[in-house]
């Protein structure tokens, strides 16, 4: 188990123990086939995985729990991971897939005991980017500051943050002079990190432009953490700057 998964397991186990969630018989485990603040869990039963298709958000942890009286083996496609669970085994105590691939956006099919089909669907967290300026009309040759904010969702489990994740957000500013032409990138801006709001980071960005003709700008964000996609790749609303004669 890698350090990130070990930290996650300790955190989930501690909270579960505090709430008394680990008490009672194995076949009444309270998080079978559910998602909560700490992650999502699939129950392994004699009739197959429950639910057979689990949809969860990126950055949530994935666990299995064997609520049956016999062992079950989970094998993900393409050799991603293979895990065997004894009766009553699983949940926050593991075992886990080493690289935690389901943490990132994707569709991950698997089989249980080679005969039951299951699928984990990981969806992107919403992210937004804005663009505005003090005015839509300027004199030719006047400088104008475009500004906006990137709002990526915060990570629920800060022990899981991949190295350098806070610096992976860049804003690409695009422009066009005519609606018949495509937008073209004109600059990449690295926003400054704002004070943290609980569970969320917001970043302000600015760019000084000096358009010589009517120009429409948009901003977009496509950067992700190196390990995979976590967030959506949003675009701002267009902002048109007209030249006053």
C-alpha atoms as a PDB file:
ATOM      1  CA  UNK A   1       0.000   0.000   0.000  1.00  0.00           C
ATOM      2  CA  UNK A   2       1.382   3.425  -0.888  1.00  0.00           C
ATOM      3  CA  UNK A   3       1.601   6.276   1.599  1.00  0.00           C
ATOM      4  CA  UNK A   4      -1.379   8.127   0.174  1.00  0.00           C
ATOM      5  CA  UNK A   5      -3.666   5.112   0.498  1.00  0.00           C
ATOM      6  CA  UNK A   6      -2.323   4.275   3.942  1.00  0.00           C
ATOM      7  CA  UNK A   7      -3.127   7.790   5.136  1.00  0.00           C
ATOM      8  CA  UNK A   8      -6.609   7.559   3.638  1.00  0.00           C
ATOM      9  CA  UNK A   9      -7.242   4.200   5.314  1.00  0.00           C
ATOM     10  CA  UNK A  10      -6.147   5.549   8.701  1.00  0.00           C
ATOM     11  CA  UNK A  11      -8.357   8.620   8.337  1.00  0.00           C
ATOM     12  CA  UNK A  12     -11.447   6.691   7.273  1.00  0.00           C
ATOM     13  CA  UNK A  13     -10.938   4.023   9.919  1.00  0.00           C
ATOM     14  CA  UNK A  14     -10.565   6.622  12.660  1.00  0.00           C
ATOM     15  CA  UNK A  15     -13.768   8.425  11.720  1.00  0.00           C
ATOM     16  CA  UNK A  16     -15.688   5.182  11.282  1.00  0.00           C
ATOM     17  CA  UNK A  17     -14.529   3.886  14.636  1.00  0.00           C
ATOM     18  CA  UNK A  18     -15.517   7.117  16.348  1.00  0.00           C
ATOM     19  CA  UNK A  19     -19.019   6.873  14.888  1.00  0.00           C
ATOM     20  CA  UNK A  20     -19.321   3.217  15.825  1.00  0.00           C
ATOM     21  CA  UNK A  21     -19.647   2.175  12.202  1.00  0.00           C
ATOM     22  CA  UNK A  22     -17.451  -0.869  12.513  1.00  0.00           C
ATOM     23  CA  UNK A  23     -19.613  -2.537  15.117  1.00  0.00           C
ATOM     24  CA  UNK A  24     -21.995  -5.410  14.363  1.00  0.00           C
ATOM     25  CA  UNK A  25     -21.831  -8.459  12.101  1.00  0.00           C
ATOM     26  CA  UNK A  26     -19.896  -8.372   8.861  1.00  0.00           C
ATOM     27  CA  UNK A  27     -22.983  -8.780   6.680  1.00  0.00           C
ATOM     28  CA  UNK A  28     -24.519  -5.576   8.078  1.00  0.00           C
ATOM     29  CA  UNK A  29     -21.647  -3.259   7.185  1.00  0.00           C
ATOM     30  CA  UNK A  30     -23.333   0.185   6.918  1.00  0.00           C
ATOM     31  CA  UNK A  31     -21.592   1.477   3.807  1.00  0.00           C
ATOM     32  CA  UNK A  32     -22.312  -1.397   1.408  1.00  0.00           C
ATOM     33  CA  UNK A  33     -22.803   0.064  -2.055  1.00  0.00           C
ATOM     34  CA  UNK A  34     -22.808   3.662  -0.826  1.00  0.00           C
ATOM     35  CA  UNK A  35     -20.817   6.887  -1.057  1.00  0.00           C
ATOM     36  CA  UNK A  36     -20.148   9.190   1.859  1.00  0.00           C
ATOM     37  CA  UNK A  37     -17.804  12.062   2.713  1.00  0.00           C
ATOM     38  CA  UNK A  38     -14.804   9.744   2.706  1.00  0.00           C
ATOM     39  CA  UNK A  39     -15.390   7.672  -0.403  1.00  0.00           C
ATOM     40  CA  UNK A  40     -17.468   4.959  -2.061  1.00  0.00           C
ATOM     41  CA  UNK A  41     -17.816   1.284  -1.331  1.00  0.00           C
ATOM     42  CA  UNK A  42     -19.029  -1.731  -3.313  1.00  0.00           C
ATOM     43  CA  UNK A  43     -20.450  -4.749  -1.509  1.00  0.00           C
ATOM     44  CA  UNK A  44     -19.315  -8.196  -2.657  1.00  0.00           C
ATOM     45  CA  UNK A  45     -22.216 -10.644  -2.402  1.00  0.00           C
ATOM     46  CA  UNK A  46     -23.075 -14.115  -3.603  1.00  0.00           C
ATOM     47  CA  UNK A  47     -25.042 -12.520  -6.447  1.00  0.00           C
ATOM     48  CA  UNK A  48     -22.187 -10.240  -7.540  1.00  0.00           C
ATOM     49  CA  UNK A  49     -21.091  -6.677  -6.760  1.00  0.00           C
ATOM     50  CA  UNK A  50     -23.649  -4.265  -5.338  1.00  0.00           C
ATOM     51  CA  UNK A  51     -24.073  -1.893  -7.036  1.00  0.00           C
ATOM     52  CA  UNK A  52     -22.836  -3.460 -10.272  1.00  0.00           C
ATOM     53  CA  UNK A  53     -22.196   0.051 -11.639  1.00  0.00           C
ATOM     54  CA  UNK A  54     -20.861   2.583  -9.149  1.00  0.00           C
ATOM     55  CA  UNK A  55     -20.637   6.244 -10.163  1.00  0.00           C
ATOM     56  CA  UNK A  56     -18.472   8.458  -7.977  1.00  0.00           C
ATOM     57  CA  UNK A  57     -16.672  11.788  -8.108  1.00  0.00           C
ATOM     58  CA  UNK A  58     -12.965  12.099  -8.730  1.00  0.00           C
ATOM     59  CA  UNK A  59     -10.835  12.257  -5.557  1.00  0.00           C
ATOM     60  CA  UNK A  60     -13.189   9.940  -3.694  1.00  0.00           C
ATOM     61  CA  UNK A  61     -11.687   6.711  -2.446  1.00  0.00           C
ATOM     62  CA  UNK A  62     -12.918   3.329  -3.687  1.00  0.00           C
ATOM     63  CA  UNK A  63     -13.220   0.327  -1.381  1.00  0.00           C
ATOM     64  CA  UNK A  64     -14.835  -3.106  -1.510  1.00  0.00           C
ATOM     65  CA  UNK A  65     -16.378  -5.004   1.378  1.00  0.00           C
ATOM     66  CA  UNK A  66     -17.078  -8.740   1.320  1.00  0.00           C
ATOM     67  CA  UNK A  67     -20.454  -9.201   2.978  1.00  0.00           C
ATOM     68  CA  UNK A  68     -20.648 -12.840   1.853  1.00  0.00           C
ATOM     69  CA  UNK A  69     -19.632 -16.031   3.699  1.00  0.00           C
ATOM     70  CA  UNK A  70     -17.031 -17.020   1.058  1.00  0.00           C
ATOM     71  CA  UNK A  71     -14.000 -15.250  -0.425  1.00  0.00           C
ATOM     72  CA  UNK A  72     -14.318 -13.165  -3.586  1.00  0.00           C
ATOM     73  CA  UNK A  73     -11.688 -11.906  -6.038  1.00  0.00           C
ATOM     74  CA  UNK A  74     -11.983  -8.576  -7.851  1.00  0.00           C
ATOM     75  CA  UNK A  75      -9.976  -8.227 -11.082  1.00  0.00           C
ATOM     76  CA  UNK A  76      -9.902  -4.921 -12.976  1.00  0.00           C
ATOM     77  CA  UNK A  77      -9.503  -4.961 -16.749  1.00  0.00           C
ATOM     78  CA  UNK A  78      -6.139  -4.374 -18.434  1.00  0.00           C
ATOM     79  CA  UNK A  79      -4.266  -5.717 -15.434  1.00  0.00           C
ATOM     80  CA  UNK A  80      -4.885  -2.587 -13.365  1.00  0.00           C
ATOM     81  CA  UNK A  81      -5.482  -4.419 -10.105  1.00  0.00           C
ATOM     82  CA  UNK A  82      -6.452  -7.765  -8.571  1.00  0.00           C
ATOM     83  CA  UNK A  83      -7.711  -8.123  -4.981  1.00  0.00           C
ATOM     84  CA  UNK A  84      -9.034 -11.046  -2.940  1.00  0.00           C
ATOM     85  CA  UNK A  85     -11.337 -10.474   0.035  1.00  0.00           C
ATOM     86  CA  UNK A  86     -12.039 -13.013   2.762  1.00  0.00           C
ATOM     87  CA  UNK A  87     -15.507 -12.989   4.359  1.00  0.00           C
ATOM     88  CA  UNK A  88     -15.981  -9.788   6.332  1.00  0.00           C
ATOM     89  CA  UNK A  89     -12.821  -8.238   4.871  1.00  0.00           C
ATOM     90  CA  UNK A  90     -12.528  -4.878   3.146  1.00  0.00           C
ATOM     91  CA  UNK A  91     -13.769  -1.368   3.729  1.00  0.00           C
ATOM     92  CA  UNK A  92     -11.351   1.182   5.234  1.00  0.00           C
ATOM     93  CA  UNK A  93      -8.954  -1.610   6.259  1.00  0.00           C
ATOM     94  CA  UNK A  94      -8.300  -2.683   2.660  1.00  0.00           C
ATOM     95  CA  UNK A  95      -6.886  -4.315   0.698  1.00  0.00           C
ATOM     96  CA  UNK A  96      -6.551  -1.513  -1.858  1.00  0.00           C
ATOM     97  CA  UNK A  97      -5.275  -1.132  -5.401  1.00  0.00           C
ATOM     98  CA  UNK A  98      -1.766   0.309  -5.107  1.00  0.00           C
ATOM     99  CA  UNK A  99      -2.008   3.310  -7.452  1.00  0.00           C
ATOM    100  CA  UNK A 100      -5.642   4.196  -6.626  1.00  0.00           C
ATOM    101  CA  UNK A 101      -6.440   4.717 -10.324  1.00  0.00           C
ATOM    102  CA  UNK A 102     -10.181   5.120  -9.670  1.00  0.00           C
ATOM    103  CA  UNK A 103      -9.300   8.382  -7.895  1.00  0.00           C
ATOM    104  CA  UNK A 104      -9.124   9.939 -11.399  1.00  0.00           C
ATOM    105  CA  UNK A 105     -11.714  10.402 -14.154  1.00  0.00           C
ATOM    106  CA  UNK A 106     -12.380   7.265 -16.169  1.00  0.00           C
ATOM    107  CA  UNK A 107     -14.457   4.117 -16.666  1.00  0.00           C
ATOM    108  CA  UNK A 108     -13.020   1.067 -14.921  1.00  0.00           C
ATOM    109  CA  UNK A 109     -14.621  -2.345 -15.649  1.00  0.00           C
ATOM    110  CA  UNK A 110     -13.865  -5.349 -13.449  1.00  0.00           C
ATOM    111  CA  UNK A 111     -15.039  -8.880 -12.753  1.00  0.00           C
ATOM    112  CA  UNK A 112     -15.781 -10.683  -9.502  1.00  0.00           C
ATOM    113  CA  UNK A 113     -14.656 -14.329  -9.455  1.00  0.00           C
ATOM    114  CA  UNK A 114     -14.433 -14.189 -13.245  1.00  0.00           C
ATOM    115  CA  UNK A 115     -18.222 -14.367 -13.699  1.00  0.00           C
ATOM    116  CA  UNK A 116     -19.846 -11.206 -12.367  1.00  0.00           C
ATOM    117  CA  UNK A 117     -19.361  -7.915 -14.205  1.00  0.00           C
ATOM    118  CA  UNK A 118     -18.890  -4.609 -12.448  1.00  0.00           C
ATOM    119  CA  UNK A 119     -17.978  -1.059 -13.444  1.00  0.00           C
ATOM    120  CA  UNK A 120     -16.683   1.983 -11.605  1.00  0.00           C
ATOM    121  CA  UNK A 121     -17.369   5.316 -13.327  1.00  0.00           C
ATOM    122  CA  UNK A 122     -15.370   8.262 -11.967  1.00  0.00           C
ATOM    123  CA  UNK A 123     -16.674  11.694 -12.993  1.00  0.00           C
ATOM    124  CA  UNK A 124     -14.921  15.071 -12.944  1.00  0.00           C
ATOM    125  CA  UNK A 125     -15.398  17.632 -10.197  1.00  0.00           C
ATOM    126  CA  UNK A 126     -16.805  20.959 -11.333  1.00  0.00           C
ATOM    127  CA  UNK A 127     -14.372  23.833 -11.795  1.00  0.00           C
ATOM    128  CA  UNK A 128     -15.137  27.362 -13.002  1.00  0.00           C
ATOM    129  CA  UNK A 129     -13.241  30.310 -14.469  1.00  0.00           C
ATOM    130  CA  UNK A 130     -14.481  33.873 -14.902  1.00  0.00           C
ATOM    131  CA  UNK A 131     -13.364  36.808 -17.079  1.00  0.00           C
ATOM    132  CA  UNK A 132     -14.339  40.473 -16.861  1.00  0.00           C
ATOM    133  CA  UNK A 133     -12.920  44.012 -17.013  1.00  0.00           C
ATOM    134  CA  UNK A 134     -13.925  47.490 -15.846  1.00  0.00           C
ATOM    135  CA  UNK A 135     -15.384  48.474 -19.236  1.00  0.00           C
ATOM    136  CA  UNK A 136     -16.424  47.076 -22.607  1.00  0.00           C
ATOM    137  CA  UNK A 137     -15.362  50.222 -24.514  1.00  0.00           C
ATOM    138  CA  UNK A 138     -11.909  51.863 -24.678  1.00  0.00           C
ATOM    139  CA  UNK A 139     -10.011  54.280 -26.884  1.00  0.00           C
ATOM    140  CA  UNK A 140      -7.601  52.792 -29.384  1.00  0.00           C
ATOM    141  CA  UNK A 141      -4.217  52.147 -27.767  1.00  0.00           C
ATOM    142  CA  UNK A 142      -5.580  52.151 -24.210  1.00  0.00           C
ATOM    143  CA  UNK A 143      -4.491  49.356 -21.920  1.00  0.00           C
ATOM    144  CA  UNK A 144      -7.161  47.309 -20.200  1.00  0.00           C
ATOM    145  CA  UNK A 145      -6.792  44.778 -17.410  1.00  0.00           C
ATOM    146  CA  UNK A 146      -8.715  41.570 -17.875  1.00  0.00           C
ATOM    147  CA  UNK A 147      -9.312  39.787 -14.601  1.00  0.00           C
ATOM    148  CA  UNK A 148     -11.064  36.739 -13.284  1.00  0.00           C
ATOM    149  CA  UNK A 149     -11.082  33.903 -10.805  1.00  0.00           C
ATOM    150  CA  UNK A 150     -10.439  30.188 -10.951  1.00  0.00           C
ATOM    151  CA  UNK A 151     -12.468  28.173  -8.498  1.00  0.00           C
ATOM    152  CA  UNK A 152     -11.288  24.539  -8.317  1.00  0.00           C
ATOM    153  CA  UNK A 153     -12.940  22.350  -5.699  1.00  0.00           C
ATOM    154  CA  UNK A 154     -10.763  21.656  -2.683  1.00  0.00           C
ATOM    155  CA  UNK A 155      -9.582  18.173  -1.854  1.00  0.00           C
ATOM    156  CA  UNK A 156     -11.649  16.542   0.866  1.00  0.00           C
ATOM    157  CA  UNK A 157      -8.729  14.524   2.205  1.00  0.00           C
ATOM    158  CA  UNK A 158      -5.699  16.761   2.433  1.00  0.00           C
ATOM    159  CA  UNK A 159      -3.501  13.789   3.358  1.00  0.00           C
ATOM    160  CA  UNK A 160      -4.096  12.620  -0.236  1.00  0.00           C
ATOM    161  CA  UNK A 161      -2.945  15.714  -2.101  1.00  0.00           C
ATOM    162  CA  UNK A 162      -0.473  14.823  -4.830  1.00  0.00           C
ATOM    163  CA  UNK A 163       2.758  16.869  -4.677  1.00  0.00           C
ATOM    164  CA  UNK A 164       2.465  20.260  -6.328  1.00  0.00           C
ATOM    165  CA  UNK A 165      -1.283  20.095  -6.953  1.00  0.00           C
ATOM    166  CA  UNK A 166      -1.818  23.731  -5.930  1.00  0.00           C
ATOM    167  CA  UNK A 167       0.429  24.992  -8.729  1.00  0.00           C
ATOM    168  CA  UNK A 168      -1.213  23.021 -11.521  1.00  0.00           C
ATOM    169  CA  UNK A 169      -3.877  25.601 -12.379  1.00  0.00           C
ATOM    170  CA  UNK A 170      -3.105  27.912 -15.311  1.00  0.00           C
ATOM    171  CA  UNK A 171      -5.502  30.156 -17.226  1.00  0.00           C
ATOM    172  CA  UNK A 172      -5.301  30.260 -21.025  1.00  0.00           C
ATOM    173  CA  UNK A 173      -6.673  33.511 -22.496  1.00  0.00           C
ATOM    174  CA  UNK A 174      -7.937  33.360 -26.071  1.00  0.00           C
ATOM    175  CA  UNK A 175      -9.118  36.124 -28.397  1.00  0.00           C
ATOM    176  CA  UNK A 176     -10.736  36.729 -31.765  1.00  0.00           C
ATOM    177  CA  UNK A 177     -11.623  39.841 -33.779  1.00  0.00           C
ATOM    178  CA  UNK A 178     -14.477  38.364 -35.779  1.00  0.00           C
ATOM    179  CA  UNK A 179     -17.157  35.813 -34.942  1.00  0.00           C
ATOM    180  CA  UNK A 180     -16.319  34.007 -38.182  1.00  0.00           C
ATOM    181  CA  UNK A 181     -12.790  33.294 -36.939  1.00  0.00           C
ATOM    182  CA  UNK A 182     -11.780  30.789 -34.246  1.00  0.00           C
ATOM    183  CA  UNK A 183     -10.454  31.861 -30.873  1.00  0.00           C
ATOM    184  CA  UNK A 184      -6.675  31.803 -30.677  1.00  0.00           C
ATOM    185  CA  UNK A 185      -4.593  31.657 -27.470  1.00  0.00           C
ATOM    186  CA  UNK A 186      -2.753  34.903 -26.673  1.00  0.00           C
ATOM    187  CA  UNK A 187      -1.395  34.263 -23.159  1.00  0.00           C
ATOM    188  CA  UNK A 188      -1.126  31.765 -20.333  1.00  0.00           C
ATOM    189  CA  UNK A 189      -1.519  33.211 -16.853  1.00  0.00           C
ATOM    190  CA  UNK A 190      -0.589  31.604 -13.542  1.00  0.00           C
ATOM    191  CA  UNK A 191      -3.065  32.849 -10.940  1.00  0.00           C
ATOM    192  CA  UNK A 192      -2.143  33.812  -7.415  1.00  0.00           C
ATOM    193  CA  UNK A 193      -3.482  31.650  -4.612  1.00  0.00           C
ATOM    194  CA  UNK A 194      -6.088  33.336  -2.433  1.00  0.00           C
ATOM    195  CA  UNK A 195      -6.736  32.701   1.236  1.00  0.00           C
ATOM    196  CA  UNK A 196      -8.219  29.298   1.781  1.00  0.00           C
ATOM    197  CA  UNK A 197     -11.953  28.910   2.269  1.00  0.00           C
ATOM    198  CA  UNK A 198     -12.755  25.651   4.121  1.00  0.00           C
ATOM    199  CA  UNK A 199     -12.686  22.869   1.545  1.00  0.00           C
ATOM    200  CA  UNK A 200     -11.932  25.229  -1.342  1.00  0.00           C
ATOM    201  CA  UNK A 201      -9.134  27.230  -2.953  1.00  0.00           C
ATOM    202  CA  UNK A 202      -9.795  30.234  -5.172  1.00  0.00           C
ATOM    203  CA  UNK A 203      -7.284  31.908  -7.466  1.00  0.00           C
ATOM    204  CA  UNK A 204      -7.338  35.407  -8.958  1.00  0.00           C
ATOM    205  CA  UNK A 205      -5.750  36.114 -12.335  1.00  0.00           C
ATOM    206  CA  UNK A 206      -5.106  39.271 -14.376  1.00  0.00           C
ATOM    207  CA  UNK A 207      -3.839  40.061 -17.863  1.00  0.00           C
ATOM    208  CA  UNK A 208      -3.162  43.484 -19.403  1.00  0.00           C
ATOM    209  CA  UNK A 209      -4.249  43.813 -23.051  1.00  0.00           C
ATOM    210  CA  UNK A 210      -4.093  46.654 -25.566  1.00  0.00           C
ATOM    211  CA  UNK A 211      -6.444  45.765 -28.443  1.00  0.00           C
ATOM    212  CA  UNK A 212      -6.236  47.754 -31.660  1.00  0.00           C
ATOM    213  CA  UNK A 213      -9.661  46.643 -32.816  1.00  0.00           C
ATOM    214  CA  UNK A 214     -12.824  45.175 -31.408  1.00  0.00           C
ATOM    215  CA  UNK A 215     -11.805  41.933 -29.702  1.00  0.00           C
ATOM    216  CA  UNK A 216     -13.651  39.213 -27.847  1.00  0.00           C
ATOM    217  CA  UNK A 217     -11.791  37.339 -25.128  1.00  0.00           C
ATOM    218  CA  UNK A 218     -12.469  34.104 -23.286  1.00  0.00           C
ATOM    219  CA  UNK A 219     -10.520  32.247 -20.615  1.00  0.00           C
ATOM    220  CA  UNK A 220     -10.237  28.511 -20.168  1.00  0.00           C
ATOM    221  CA  UNK A 221      -8.575  26.109 -17.751  1.00  0.00           C
ATOM    222  CA  UNK A 222      -7.367  22.672 -18.814  1.00  0.00           C
ATOM    223  CA  UNK A 223      -4.560  21.901 -16.353  1.00  0.00           C
ATOM    224  CA  UNK A 224      -4.892  18.792 -14.189  1.00  0.00           C
ATOM    225  CA  UNK A 225      -2.718  17.071 -11.626  1.00  0.00           C
ATOM    226  CA  UNK A 226       0.049  14.975 -13.241  1.00  0.00           C
ATOM    227  CA  UNK A 227      -1.530  11.665 -12.221  1.00  0.00           C
ATOM    228  CA  UNK A 228      -4.807  12.171 -14.107  1.00  0.00           C
ATOM    229  CA  UNK A 229      -7.940  14.263 -14.580  1.00  0.00           C
ATOM    230  CA  UNK A 230      -9.724  15.517 -11.486  1.00  0.00           C
ATOM    231  CA  UNK A 231     -11.686  18.584 -12.628  1.00  0.00           C
ATOM    232  CA  UNK A 232     -13.762  19.696 -15.586  1.00  0.00           C
ATOM    233  CA  UNK A 233     -12.067  21.953 -18.170  1.00  0.00           C
ATOM    234  CA  UNK A 234     -14.239  25.105 -18.072  1.00  0.00           C
ATOM    235  CA  UNK A 235     -14.455  28.179 -20.293  1.00  0.00           C
ATOM    236  CA  UNK A 236     -15.536  31.627 -19.193  1.00  0.00           C
ATOM    237  CA  UNK A 237     -18.259  33.681 -20.797  1.00  0.00           C
ATOM    238  CA  UNK A 238     -16.940  35.835 -23.649  1.00  0.00           C
ATOM    239  CA  UNK A 239     -16.001  39.449 -22.924  1.00  0.00           C
ATOM    240  CA  UNK A 240     -15.983  41.868 -25.884  1.00  0.00           C
ATOM    241  CA  UNK A 241     -13.878  45.047 -25.886  1.00  0.00           C
ATOM    242  CA  UNK A 242     -14.923  47.658 -28.477  1.00  0.00           C
ATOM    243  CA  UNK A 243     -12.773  50.497 -29.731  1.00  0.00           C
ATOM    244  CA  UNK A 244     -14.212  53.983 -29.322  1.00  0.00           C
ATOM    245  CA  UNK A 245     -13.341  56.475 -32.062  1.00  0.00           C
END
